[in-house]
Amino acid sequence: MEPRDFFSASAPDDPAQKRFRFRDGRVYFSRRTERQIYFGFTIVLVVLGLLARFGWLG
């Protein structure tokens, strides 16, 4: 399997690409999965920041 080009436009929409791939003790993500994970972390941190700002979080 050849590595994909970093700027390949078809990589995120490739239906054959798995979300998680385990190989040689490492976890590989698709670009779309990585973006979704970081977006989720961002939303959680924003909510926690707002809760802390308004005093609702210890």
N, C-alpha and C. Protein backbone atom coordinates (compact mmCIF):
# COMPACT_ATOMS: atom_id res chain seq x y z
N MET A 1 0.84 -1.18 0.00
CA MET A 1 0.00 0.00 0.00
C MET A 1 0.88 1.24 0.00
N GLU A 2 0.69 2.09 -0.97
CA GLU A 2 1.47 3.31 -1.06
C GLU A 2 0.84 4.40 -0.20
N PRO A 3 1.66 5.25 0.40
CA PRO A 3 1.08 6.36 1.18
C PRO A 3 0.36 7.33 0.26
N ARG A 4 -0.69 7.93 0.77
CA ARG A 4 -1.46 8.89 -0.01
C ARG A 4 -0.75 10.24 -0.02
N ASP A 5 -1.02 10.98 -1.05
CA ASP A 5 -0.52 12.34 -1.13
C ASP A 5 -1.22 13.17 -0.05
N PHE A 6 -0.47 13.98 0.66
CA PHE A 6 -1.01 14.76 1.77
C PHE A 6 -2.12 15.69 1.30
N PHE A 7 -2.02 16.23 0.11
CA PHE A 7 -2.98 17.19 -0.39
C PHE A 7 -4.01 16.56 -1.32
N SER A 8 -4.15 15.27 -1.29
CA SER A 8 -5.09 14.59 -2.17
C SER A 8 -6.52 14.99 -1.82
N ALA A 9 -7.25 15.45 -2.81
CA ALA A 9 -8.61 15.91 -2.57
C ALA A 9 -9.58 14.75 -2.37
N SER A 10 -9.25 13.58 -2.89
CA SER A 10 -10.18 12.46 -2.80
C SER A 10 -10.00 11.64 -1.53
N ALA A 11 -8.98 11.87 -0.76
CA ALA A 11 -8.70 11.06 0.42
C ALA A 11 -9.81 11.08 1.47
N PRO A 12 -10.37 12.24 1.87
CA PRO A 12 -11.39 12.21 2.92
C PRO A 12 -12.69 11.56 2.49
N ASP A 13 -13.02 11.58 1.21
CA ASP A 13 -14.29 11.05 0.75
C ASP A 13 -14.20 9.62 0.23
N ASP A 14 -13.05 9.01 0.35
CA ASP A 14 -12.85 7.65 -0.15
C ASP A 14 -13.67 6.68 0.70
N PRO A 15 -14.71 6.05 0.14
CA PRO A 15 -15.56 5.16 0.96
C PRO A 15 -14.85 3.90 1.40
N ALA A 16 -13.77 3.50 0.73
CA ALA A 16 -13.07 2.28 1.11
C ALA A 16 -12.10 2.51 2.26
N GLN A 17 -11.84 3.76 2.60
CA GLN A 17 -10.88 4.07 3.66
C GLN A 17 -11.56 3.86 5.02
N LYS A 18 -10.89 3.12 5.90
CA LYS A 18 -11.44 2.86 7.22
C LYS A 18 -11.17 4.04 8.14
N ARG A 19 -11.98 4.16 9.19
CA ARG A 19 -11.81 5.27 10.13
C ARG A 19 -10.57 5.06 10.99
N PHE A 20 -10.39 3.83 11.49
CA PHE A 20 -9.24 3.51 12.32
C PHE A 20 -8.51 2.34 11.69
N ARG A 21 -7.21 2.38 11.71
CA ARG A 21 -6.42 1.28 11.18
C ARG A 21 -5.28 1.02 12.16
N PHE A 22 -5.17 -0.23 12.63
CA PHE A 22 -4.11 -0.62 13.55
C PHE A 22 -3.05 -1.37 12.76
N ARG A 23 -1.81 -0.87 12.83
CA ARG A 23 -0.72 -1.54 12.14
C ARG A 23 0.57 -1.29 12.91
N ASP A 24 1.32 -2.35 13.17
CA ASP A 24 2.62 -2.26 13.84
C ASP A 24 2.54 -1.54 15.18
N GLY A 25 1.47 -1.77 15.93
CA GLY A 25 1.33 -1.16 17.24
C GLY A 25 0.94 0.31 17.21
N ARG A 26 0.53 0.82 16.06
CA ARG A 26 0.12 2.22 15.94
C ARG A 26 -1.31 2.30 15.45
N VAL A 27 -1.94 3.41 15.77
CA VAL A 27 -3.30 3.66 15.31
C VAL A 27 -3.24 4.74 14.25
N TYR A 28 -3.83 4.46 13.10
CA TYR A 28 -3.88 5.43 12.00
C TYR A 28 -5.33 5.85 11.80
N PHE A 29 -5.56 7.16 11.61
CA PHE A 29 -6.88 7.71 11.39
C PHE A 29 -6.98 8.24 9.98
N SER A 30 -8.20 8.27 9.47
CA SER A 30 -8.43 8.99 8.22
C SER A 30 -8.44 10.49 8.56
N ARG A 31 -8.25 11.31 7.56
CA ARG A 31 -8.26 12.76 7.80
C ARG A 31 -9.61 13.22 8.34
N ARG A 32 -10.66 12.67 7.78
CA ARG A 32 -11.99 13.07 8.22
C ARG A 32 -12.21 12.72 9.68
N THR A 33 -11.78 11.52 10.10
CA THR A 33 -11.92 11.11 11.48
C THR A 33 -11.13 12.02 12.40
N GLU A 34 -9.90 12.34 12.01
CA GLU A 34 -9.07 13.22 12.83
C GLU A 34 -9.72 14.58 13.00
N ARG A 35 -10.27 15.13 11.94
CA ARG A 35 -10.94 16.42 12.02
C ARG A 35 -12.16 16.37 12.92
N GLN A 36 -12.92 15.28 12.85
CA GLN A 36 -14.09 15.13 13.71
C GLN A 36 -13.70 15.02 15.17
N ILE A 37 -12.62 14.30 15.45
CA ILE A 37 -12.15 14.17 16.84
C ILE A 37 -11.72 15.53 17.38
N TYR A 38 -10.92 16.27 16.62
CA TYR A 38 -10.48 17.59 17.08
C TYR A 38 -11.64 18.57 17.20
N PHE A 39 -12.62 18.48 16.33
CA PHE A 39 -13.79 19.34 16.44
C PHE A 39 -14.55 19.04 17.73
N GLY A 40 -14.70 17.75 18.05
CA GLY A 40 -15.37 17.35 19.29
C GLY A 40 -14.62 17.85 20.52
N PHE A 41 -13.29 17.71 20.52
CA PHE A 41 -12.48 18.22 21.63
C PHE A 41 -12.63 19.74 21.76
N THR A 42 -12.68 20.42 20.65
CA THR A 42 -12.82 21.88 20.67
C THR A 42 -14.14 22.29 21.31
N ILE A 43 -15.22 21.63 20.93
CA ILE A 43 -16.54 21.95 21.49
C ILE A 43 -16.55 21.69 22.99
N VAL A 44 -15.99 20.56 23.42
CA VAL A 44 -15.94 20.23 24.85
C VAL A 44 -15.15 21.28 25.61
N LEU A 45 -14.00 21.70 25.09
CA LEU A 45 -13.19 22.71 25.77
C LEU A 45 -13.88 24.07 25.82
N VAL A 46 -14.59 24.44 24.78
CA VAL A 46 -15.33 25.70 24.79
C VAL A 46 -16.42 25.66 25.86
N VAL A 47 -17.15 24.56 25.94
CA VAL A 47 -18.21 24.44 26.95
C VAL A 47 -17.61 24.48 28.35
N LEU A 48 -16.52 23.75 28.57
CA LEU A 48 -15.87 23.78 29.89
C LEU A 48 -15.35 25.17 30.22
N GLY A 49 -14.81 25.87 29.24
CA GLY A 49 -14.34 27.23 29.46
C GLY A 49 -15.46 28.18 29.84
N LEU A 50 -16.60 28.04 29.18
CA LEU A 50 -17.75 28.88 29.51
C LEU A 50 -18.29 28.56 30.89
N LEU A 51 -18.34 27.28 31.23
CA LEU A 51 -18.80 26.89 32.57
C LEU A 51 -17.88 27.44 33.64
N ALA A 52 -16.57 27.37 33.40
CA ALA A 52 -15.61 27.91 34.38
C ALA A 52 -15.71 29.43 34.45
N ARG A 53 -15.92 30.08 33.32
CA ARG A 53 -16.01 31.55 33.29
C ARG A 53 -17.18 32.06 34.07
N PHE A 54 -18.31 31.38 33.98
CA PHE A 54 -19.52 31.83 34.68
C PHE A 54 -19.68 31.23 36.07
N GLY A 55 -18.67 30.50 36.52
CA GLY A 55 -18.65 30.01 37.89
C GLY A 55 -19.48 28.76 38.15
N TRP A 56 -19.92 28.07 37.11
CA TRP A 56 -20.71 26.87 37.30
C TRP A 56 -19.84 25.63 37.44
N LEU A 57 -18.56 25.81 37.24
CA LEU A 57 -17.63 24.69 37.33
C LEU A 57 -16.59 25.06 38.37
N GLY A 58 -16.49 24.21 39.41
CA GLY A 58 -15.58 24.41 40.53
C GLY A 58 -14.44 25.24 40.26
